[in-house]
N, C-alpha and C. Protein backbone atom coordinates (compact mmCIF):
# COMPACT_ATOMS: atom_id res chain seq x y z
N MET A 1 0.83 -1.19 0.00
CA MET A 1 0.00 0.00 0.00
C MET A 1 0.87 1.25 0.00
N SER A 2 1.87 1.29 0.87
CA SER A 2 2.69 2.51 0.95
C SER A 2 3.45 2.75 -0.35
N ALA A 3 3.81 1.68 -1.05
CA ALA A 3 4.49 1.86 -2.33
C ALA A 3 3.55 2.54 -3.33
N LEU A 4 2.30 2.14 -3.33
CA LEU A 4 1.33 2.78 -4.23
C LEU A 4 1.09 4.23 -3.81
N LEU A 5 0.94 4.46 -2.50
CA LEU A 5 0.65 5.82 -2.03
C LEU A 5 1.83 6.76 -2.21
N SER A 6 3.05 6.22 -2.33
CA SER A 6 4.20 7.09 -2.57
C SER A 6 4.23 7.58 -4.03
N ARG A 7 3.49 6.92 -4.91
CA ARG A 7 3.49 7.29 -6.32
C ARG A 7 2.16 7.86 -6.81
N PHE A 8 1.08 7.48 -6.15
CA PHE A 8 -0.25 7.88 -6.60
C PHE A 8 -1.03 8.51 -5.45
N SER A 9 -2.05 9.30 -5.80
CA SER A 9 -2.89 9.87 -4.76
C SER A 9 -3.72 8.76 -4.11
N ALA A 10 -4.15 9.01 -2.89
CA ALA A 10 -4.96 8.02 -2.18
C ALA A 10 -6.28 7.77 -2.90
N VAL A 11 -6.83 8.81 -3.51
CA VAL A 11 -8.07 8.64 -4.26
C VAL A 11 -7.84 7.71 -5.45
N ALA A 12 -6.71 7.87 -6.13
CA ALA A 12 -6.40 7.00 -7.26
C ALA A 12 -6.23 5.55 -6.80
N VAL A 13 -5.62 5.34 -5.65
CA VAL A 13 -5.46 3.98 -5.12
C VAL A 13 -6.83 3.40 -4.74
N THR A 14 -7.71 4.23 -4.22
CA THR A 14 -9.06 3.77 -3.90
C THR A 14 -9.79 3.33 -5.17
N VAL A 15 -9.69 4.12 -6.21
CA VAL A 15 -10.31 3.77 -7.49
C VAL A 15 -9.72 2.46 -8.01
N LEU A 16 -8.40 2.32 -7.90
CA LEU A 16 -7.74 1.07 -8.30
C LEU A 16 -8.31 -0.11 -7.51
N GLY A 17 -8.51 0.08 -6.21
CA GLY A 17 -9.09 -0.98 -5.39
C GLY A 17 -10.47 -1.38 -5.86
N PHE A 18 -11.31 -0.39 -6.18
CA PHE A 18 -12.65 -0.71 -6.69
C PHE A 18 -12.55 -1.45 -8.02
N ALA A 19 -11.66 -1.00 -8.90
CA ALA A 19 -11.51 -1.64 -10.21
C ALA A 19 -11.02 -3.08 -10.06
N LEU A 20 -10.03 -3.30 -9.21
CA LEU A 20 -9.52 -4.66 -9.00
C LEU A 20 -10.56 -5.56 -8.34
N SER A 21 -11.37 -4.99 -7.46
CA SER A 21 -12.45 -5.77 -6.84
C SER A 21 -13.47 -6.21 -7.89
N ALA A 22 -13.81 -5.29 -8.78
CA ALA A 22 -14.74 -5.63 -9.86
C ALA A 22 -14.14 -6.70 -10.76
N VAL A 23 -12.86 -6.60 -11.05
CA VAL A 23 -12.19 -7.60 -11.89
C VAL A 23 -12.21 -8.96 -11.19
N ALA A 24 -11.97 -8.97 -9.88
CA ALA A 24 -11.98 -10.23 -9.13
C ALA A 24 -13.34 -10.91 -9.23
N ILE A 25 -14.41 -10.14 -9.07
CA ILE A 25 -15.74 -10.72 -9.20
C ILE A 25 -15.99 -11.19 -10.63
N ALA A 26 -15.56 -10.42 -11.60
CA ALA A 26 -15.74 -10.80 -13.01
C ALA A 26 -14.99 -12.09 -13.33
N LEU A 27 -13.86 -12.32 -12.67
CA LEU A 27 -13.10 -13.55 -12.91
C LEU A 27 -13.90 -14.79 -12.51
N PHE A 28 -14.76 -14.64 -11.50
CA PHE A 28 -15.61 -15.76 -11.11
C PHE A 28 -16.52 -16.15 -12.28
N PHE A 29 -17.11 -15.14 -12.94
CA PHE A 29 -17.99 -15.41 -14.07
C PHE A 29 -17.21 -15.92 -15.28
N ALA A 30 -15.90 -15.67 -15.30
CA ALA A 30 -15.06 -16.16 -16.40
C ALA A 30 -14.58 -17.59 -16.15
N GLY A 31 -14.97 -18.16 -14.99
CA GLY A 31 -14.65 -19.55 -14.73
C GLY A 31 -13.50 -19.80 -13.77
N PHE A 32 -12.94 -18.75 -13.19
CA PHE A 32 -11.86 -18.95 -12.23
C PHE A 32 -12.43 -19.55 -10.95
N SER A 33 -11.59 -20.27 -10.23
CA SER A 33 -12.05 -20.93 -9.01
C SER A 33 -12.36 -19.90 -7.91
N LEU A 34 -13.32 -20.24 -7.08
CA LEU A 34 -13.75 -19.33 -6.02
C LEU A 34 -12.62 -18.97 -5.05
N PRO A 35 -11.77 -19.90 -4.62
CA PRO A 35 -10.67 -19.50 -3.73
C PRO A 35 -9.74 -18.46 -4.37
N PHE A 36 -9.45 -18.63 -5.64
CA PHE A 36 -8.60 -17.67 -6.36
C PHE A 36 -9.27 -16.30 -6.40
N VAL A 37 -10.56 -16.28 -6.70
CA VAL A 37 -11.32 -15.04 -6.76
C VAL A 37 -11.33 -14.36 -5.38
N CYS A 38 -11.55 -15.15 -4.34
CA CYS A 38 -11.62 -14.58 -2.98
C CYS A 38 -10.30 -13.97 -2.54
N ILE A 39 -9.20 -14.61 -2.85
CA ILE A 39 -7.88 -14.06 -2.50
C ILE A 39 -7.67 -12.73 -3.22
N GLY A 40 -8.00 -12.67 -4.48
CA GLY A 40 -7.89 -11.42 -5.22
C GLY A 40 -8.80 -10.35 -4.67
N LEU A 41 -10.02 -10.74 -4.31
CA LEU A 41 -10.99 -9.79 -3.78
C LEU A 41 -10.54 -9.25 -2.42
N PHE A 42 -10.07 -10.10 -1.55
CA PHE A 42 -9.60 -9.64 -0.24
C PHE A 42 -8.44 -8.67 -0.38
N SER A 43 -7.54 -8.94 -1.30
CA SER A 43 -6.41 -8.05 -1.53
C SER A 43 -6.87 -6.69 -2.04
N ALA A 44 -7.79 -6.69 -2.98
CA ALA A 44 -8.27 -5.44 -3.55
C ALA A 44 -9.07 -4.63 -2.54
N LEU A 45 -9.87 -5.30 -1.73
CA LEU A 45 -10.66 -4.59 -0.72
C LEU A 45 -9.77 -3.90 0.31
N GLY A 46 -8.61 -4.48 0.58
CA GLY A 46 -7.66 -3.83 1.49
C GLY A 46 -7.19 -2.50 0.95
N LEU A 47 -7.03 -2.40 -0.36
CA LEU A 47 -6.65 -1.12 -0.97
C LEU A 47 -7.73 -0.07 -0.74
N ILE A 48 -8.99 -0.47 -0.87
CA ILE A 48 -10.08 0.49 -0.70
C ILE A 48 -10.11 1.02 0.72
N GLN A 49 -10.03 0.14 1.69
CA GLN A 49 -10.10 0.57 3.09
C GLN A 49 -8.93 1.47 3.46
N GLY A 50 -7.73 1.02 3.18
CA GLY A 50 -6.56 1.80 3.57
C GLY A 50 -6.47 3.13 2.86
N ALA A 51 -6.71 3.12 1.57
CA ALA A 51 -6.60 4.35 0.79
C ALA A 51 -7.74 5.32 1.10
N SER A 52 -8.89 4.80 1.51
CA SER A 52 -9.99 5.70 1.88
C SER A 52 -9.60 6.54 3.09
N PHE A 53 -9.00 5.93 4.09
CA PHE A 53 -8.55 6.70 5.24
C PHE A 53 -7.36 7.60 4.88
N ALA A 54 -6.49 7.12 3.98
CA ALA A 54 -5.35 7.93 3.57
C ALA A 54 -5.78 9.14 2.74
N SER A 55 -6.94 9.07 2.12
CA SER A 55 -7.41 10.20 1.30
C SER A 55 -7.93 11.36 2.14
N VAL A 56 -8.22 11.12 3.41
CA VAL A 56 -8.78 12.18 4.26
C VAL A 56 -7.90 13.42 4.29
N PRO A 57 -6.60 13.31 4.59
CA PRO A 57 -5.78 14.54 4.59
C PRO A 57 -5.58 15.15 3.21
N GLU A 58 -5.67 14.33 2.15
CA GLU A 58 -5.56 14.88 0.80
C GLU A 58 -6.75 15.76 0.45
N LEU A 59 -7.91 15.39 0.94
CA LEU A 59 -9.13 16.06 0.54
C LEU A 59 -9.62 17.11 1.53
N ASN A 60 -9.02 17.16 2.72
CA ASN A 60 -9.47 18.08 3.77
C ASN A 60 -8.27 18.86 4.29
N LEU A 61 -8.36 20.18 4.23
CA LEU A 61 -7.21 21.02 4.56
C LEU A 61 -7.07 21.31 6.05
N THR A 62 -8.16 21.36 6.78
CA THR A 62 -8.08 21.71 8.21
C THR A 62 -8.22 20.47 9.08
N ASN A 63 -7.70 20.59 10.31
CA ASN A 63 -7.80 19.47 11.25
C ASN A 63 -9.26 19.16 11.58
N GLU A 64 -10.07 20.20 11.68
CA GLU A 64 -11.49 19.99 11.98
C GLU A 64 -12.17 19.20 10.86
N ALA A 65 -11.89 19.58 9.62
CA ALA A 65 -12.47 18.87 8.48
C ALA A 65 -11.96 17.44 8.41
N ARG A 66 -10.70 17.24 8.74
CA ARG A 66 -10.14 15.88 8.74
C ARG A 66 -10.79 15.01 9.80
N ALA A 67 -11.00 15.56 10.98
CA ALA A 67 -11.65 14.80 12.05
C ALA A 67 -13.07 14.41 11.64
N THR A 68 -13.78 15.34 11.06
CA THR A 68 -15.14 15.06 10.61
C THR A 68 -15.13 13.99 9.51
N ALA A 69 -14.20 14.11 8.58
CA ALA A 69 -14.12 13.15 7.48
C ALA A 69 -13.75 11.76 7.98
N ASN A 70 -12.81 11.67 8.91
CA ASN A 70 -12.46 10.36 9.47
C ASN A 70 -13.67 9.71 10.14
N GLY A 71 -14.43 10.51 10.88
CA GLY A 71 -15.64 9.99 11.51
C GLY A 71 -16.65 9.52 10.48
N ALA A 72 -16.79 10.29 9.40
CA ALA A 72 -17.74 9.92 8.34
C ALA A 72 -17.32 8.62 7.67
N VAL A 73 -16.03 8.46 7.39
CA VAL A 73 -15.55 7.23 6.75
C VAL A 73 -15.83 6.03 7.67
N ALA A 74 -15.54 6.19 8.95
CA ALA A 74 -15.79 5.10 9.90
C ALA A 74 -17.28 4.77 9.99
N GLN A 75 -18.12 5.80 10.04
CA GLN A 75 -19.56 5.55 10.14
C GLN A 75 -20.13 4.94 8.86
N MET A 76 -19.58 5.29 7.71
CA MET A 76 -20.05 4.67 6.47
C MET A 76 -19.71 3.18 6.45
N GLY A 77 -18.57 2.82 7.05
CA GLY A 77 -18.25 1.40 7.20
C GLY A 77 -19.27 0.70 8.07
N ASN A 78 -19.65 1.35 9.15
CA ASN A 78 -20.69 0.78 10.02
C ASN A 78 -22.02 0.67 9.30
N LEU A 79 -22.37 1.70 8.54
CA LEU A 79 -23.62 1.68 7.80
C LEU A 79 -23.62 0.57 6.75
N GLY A 80 -22.49 0.40 6.09
CA GLY A 80 -22.37 -0.68 5.11
C GLY A 80 -22.56 -2.04 5.74
N ASN A 81 -21.99 -2.23 6.93
CA ASN A 81 -22.18 -3.50 7.63
C ASN A 81 -23.63 -3.68 8.07
N LEU A 82 -24.28 -2.60 8.47
CA LEU A 82 -25.65 -2.67 8.97
C LEU A 82 -26.64 -3.00 7.86
N ILE A 83 -26.54 -2.31 6.73
CA ILE A 83 -27.55 -2.52 5.67
C ILE A 83 -27.05 -3.38 4.52
N GLY A 84 -25.73 -3.44 4.33
CA GLY A 84 -25.20 -4.19 3.19
C GLY A 84 -25.47 -5.67 3.26
N THR A 85 -25.22 -6.25 4.41
CA THR A 85 -25.41 -7.70 4.55
C THR A 85 -26.87 -8.10 4.36
N PRO A 86 -27.83 -7.43 5.03
CA PRO A 86 -29.23 -7.83 4.78
C PRO A 86 -29.66 -7.65 3.33
N ILE A 87 -29.22 -6.58 2.69
CA ILE A 87 -29.59 -6.37 1.29
C ILE A 87 -29.04 -7.49 0.42
N LEU A 88 -27.77 -7.83 0.63
CA LEU A 88 -27.18 -8.90 -0.18
C LEU A 88 -27.82 -10.25 0.12
N LEU A 89 -28.24 -10.47 1.36
CA LEU A 89 -28.93 -11.72 1.68
C LEU A 89 -30.28 -11.81 0.97
N VAL A 90 -31.00 -10.69 0.86
CA VAL A 90 -32.26 -10.68 0.12
C VAL A 90 -32.01 -10.97 -1.35
N VAL A 91 -30.97 -10.33 -1.92
CA VAL A 91 -30.64 -10.58 -3.32
C VAL A 91 -30.24 -12.05 -3.51
N LEU A 92 -29.46 -12.58 -2.59
CA LEU A 92 -29.03 -13.98 -2.66
C LEU A 92 -30.22 -14.92 -2.58
N ALA A 93 -31.14 -14.64 -1.66
CA ALA A 93 -32.31 -15.51 -1.49
C ALA A 93 -33.22 -15.48 -2.71
N ASN A 94 -33.31 -14.34 -3.35
CA ASN A 94 -34.24 -14.21 -4.49
C ASN A 94 -33.60 -14.53 -5.84
N GLY A 95 -32.31 -14.31 -5.97
CA GLY A 95 -31.69 -14.50 -7.28
C GLY A 95 -30.56 -15.49 -7.32
N GLY A 96 -30.14 -15.97 -6.15
CA GLY A 96 -29.04 -16.92 -6.10
C GLY A 96 -27.69 -16.24 -6.14
N PRO A 97 -26.64 -17.06 -6.06
CA PRO A 97 -25.28 -16.50 -6.04
C PRO A 97 -24.92 -15.60 -7.22
N PRO A 98 -25.33 -15.94 -8.46
CA PRO A 98 -24.98 -15.04 -9.56
C PRO A 98 -25.57 -13.64 -9.40
N ALA A 99 -26.80 -13.56 -8.92
CA ALA A 99 -27.43 -12.24 -8.73
C ALA A 99 -26.72 -11.45 -7.64
N MET A 100 -26.32 -12.14 -6.57
CA MET A 100 -25.61 -11.45 -5.51
C MET A 100 -24.26 -10.93 -6.01
N LEU A 101 -23.54 -11.77 -6.74
CA LEU A 101 -22.24 -11.36 -7.25
C LEU A 101 -22.36 -10.24 -8.27
N MET A 102 -23.39 -10.26 -9.09
CA MET A 102 -23.60 -9.17 -10.05
C MET A 102 -23.94 -7.87 -9.31
N THR A 103 -24.68 -7.97 -8.22
CA THR A 103 -24.98 -6.78 -7.42
C THR A 103 -23.71 -6.20 -6.83
N VAL A 104 -22.87 -7.05 -6.28
CA VAL A 104 -21.61 -6.59 -5.71
C VAL A 104 -20.72 -5.99 -6.80
N LEU A 105 -20.68 -6.63 -7.94
CA LEU A 105 -19.90 -6.10 -9.07
C LEU A 105 -20.39 -4.70 -9.45
N GLY A 106 -21.69 -4.53 -9.51
CA GLY A 106 -22.25 -3.21 -9.82
C GLY A 106 -21.91 -2.17 -8.77
N LEU A 107 -21.93 -2.58 -7.52
CA LEU A 107 -21.60 -1.64 -6.44
C LEU A 107 -20.12 -1.23 -6.48
N TYR A 108 -19.24 -2.17 -6.79
CA TYR A 108 -17.82 -1.81 -6.93
C TYR A 108 -17.62 -0.85 -8.09
N CYS A 109 -18.28 -1.11 -9.19
CA CYS A 109 -18.19 -0.19 -10.34
C CYS A 109 -18.73 1.18 -9.98
N ALA A 110 -19.86 1.22 -9.27
CA ALA A 110 -20.44 2.50 -8.85
C ALA A 110 -19.51 3.26 -7.93
N GLY A 111 -18.85 2.57 -7.01
CA GLY A 111 -17.90 3.23 -6.11
C GLY A 111 -16.74 3.86 -6.86
N GLY A 112 -16.17 3.12 -7.79
CA GLY A 112 -15.07 3.66 -8.58
C GLY A 112 -15.50 4.83 -9.45
N ILE A 113 -16.67 4.71 -10.08
CA ILE A 113 -17.17 5.79 -10.92
C ILE A 113 -17.47 7.04 -10.08
N ALA A 114 -18.03 6.85 -8.90
CA ALA A 114 -18.31 7.99 -8.03
C ALA A 114 -17.03 8.75 -7.69
N HIS A 115 -15.97 8.02 -7.40
CA HIS A 115 -14.69 8.68 -7.11
C HIS A 115 -14.17 9.45 -8.32
N LEU A 116 -14.29 8.87 -9.49
CA LEU A 116 -13.81 9.54 -10.70
C LEU A 116 -14.63 10.80 -11.00
N VAL A 117 -15.93 10.72 -10.84
CA VAL A 117 -16.78 11.89 -11.07
C VAL A 117 -16.47 12.98 -10.07
N LEU A 118 -16.34 12.61 -8.80
CA LEU A 118 -16.06 13.62 -7.77
C LEU A 118 -14.67 14.23 -7.95
N ARG A 119 -13.71 13.45 -8.44
CA ARG A 119 -12.38 14.02 -8.72
C ARG A 119 -12.48 15.07 -9.82
N ARG A 120 -13.29 14.78 -10.82
CA ARG A 120 -13.48 15.75 -11.90
C ARG A 120 -14.14 17.03 -11.37
N VAL A 121 -15.11 16.88 -10.48
CA VAL A 121 -15.77 18.05 -9.88
C VAL A 121 -14.76 18.86 -9.07
N ARG A 122 -13.94 18.19 -8.26
CA ARG A 122 -12.92 18.90 -7.47
C ARG A 122 -11.94 19.63 -8.37
N ASN A 123 -11.52 18.98 -9.45
CA ASN A 123 -10.57 19.62 -10.36
C ASN A 123 -11.18 20.83 -11.06
N SER A 124 -12.44 20.74 -11.44
CA SER A 124 -13.08 21.88 -12.12
C SER A 124 -13.27 23.04 -11.14
N ARG A 125 -13.55 22.74 -9.88
CA ARG A 125 -13.68 23.81 -8.87
C ARG A 125 -12.33 24.46 -8.61
N ALA A 126 -11.27 23.66 -8.59
CA ALA A 126 -9.94 24.23 -8.36
C ALA A 126 -9.54 25.14 -9.50
N ILE A 127 -9.88 24.77 -10.71
CA ILE A 127 -9.56 25.61 -11.87
C ILE A 127 -10.34 26.91 -11.81
N GLN A 128 -11.60 26.86 -11.41
CA GLN A 128 -12.44 28.04 -11.32
C GLN A 128 -11.96 29.00 -10.22
N GLN A 129 -11.34 28.47 -9.17
CA GLN A 129 -10.91 29.31 -8.06
C GLN A 129 -9.55 29.96 -8.28
N GLN A 130 -8.84 29.53 -9.31
CA GLN A 130 -7.55 30.14 -9.60
C GLN A 130 -7.74 31.55 -10.10
N PRO A 131 -6.83 32.47 -9.69
CA PRO A 131 -6.96 33.88 -10.13
C PRO A 131 -6.67 34.06 -11.60
C-alpha cells in the first residue's frame, strides 16, 4: 500500500481498489475458481479501506475537516455493515449466487465511478478558483 501511495494519490489507489475488486468478481464469471477469486478480492478490498482513510488529509485542509471526514468514513463502514449484509442476503435468497455477485460487481463499479466523477468536480472547482 505505501508503495502505491508514494506514487499515486490516495483517491487513485481507492479507485484502483474498486476496479480490481470488480475484476476479481468478473473472474468468477469467467470460470476462475472461487478461492482464487476470494484471495484477489480480499487483496483489492484492502486497498479500498486503507486508501480511503489515507485520502482524508488529501481532501481536507483543516484538522477539523479531517476529524469530521475520518468519523464519516468510519460511520459509512458501520452503515455498510448494517444494511449491506441484509440487502445482499435478500438478493441472494431471491436470485441466487450469480445475482448477488452481479450486485456486488455493480456496487464496486459504482464506487469507482463515483470517485472519478467527484475528482473531476474537485478539479473543475480548483480551476475556477484560480486567479
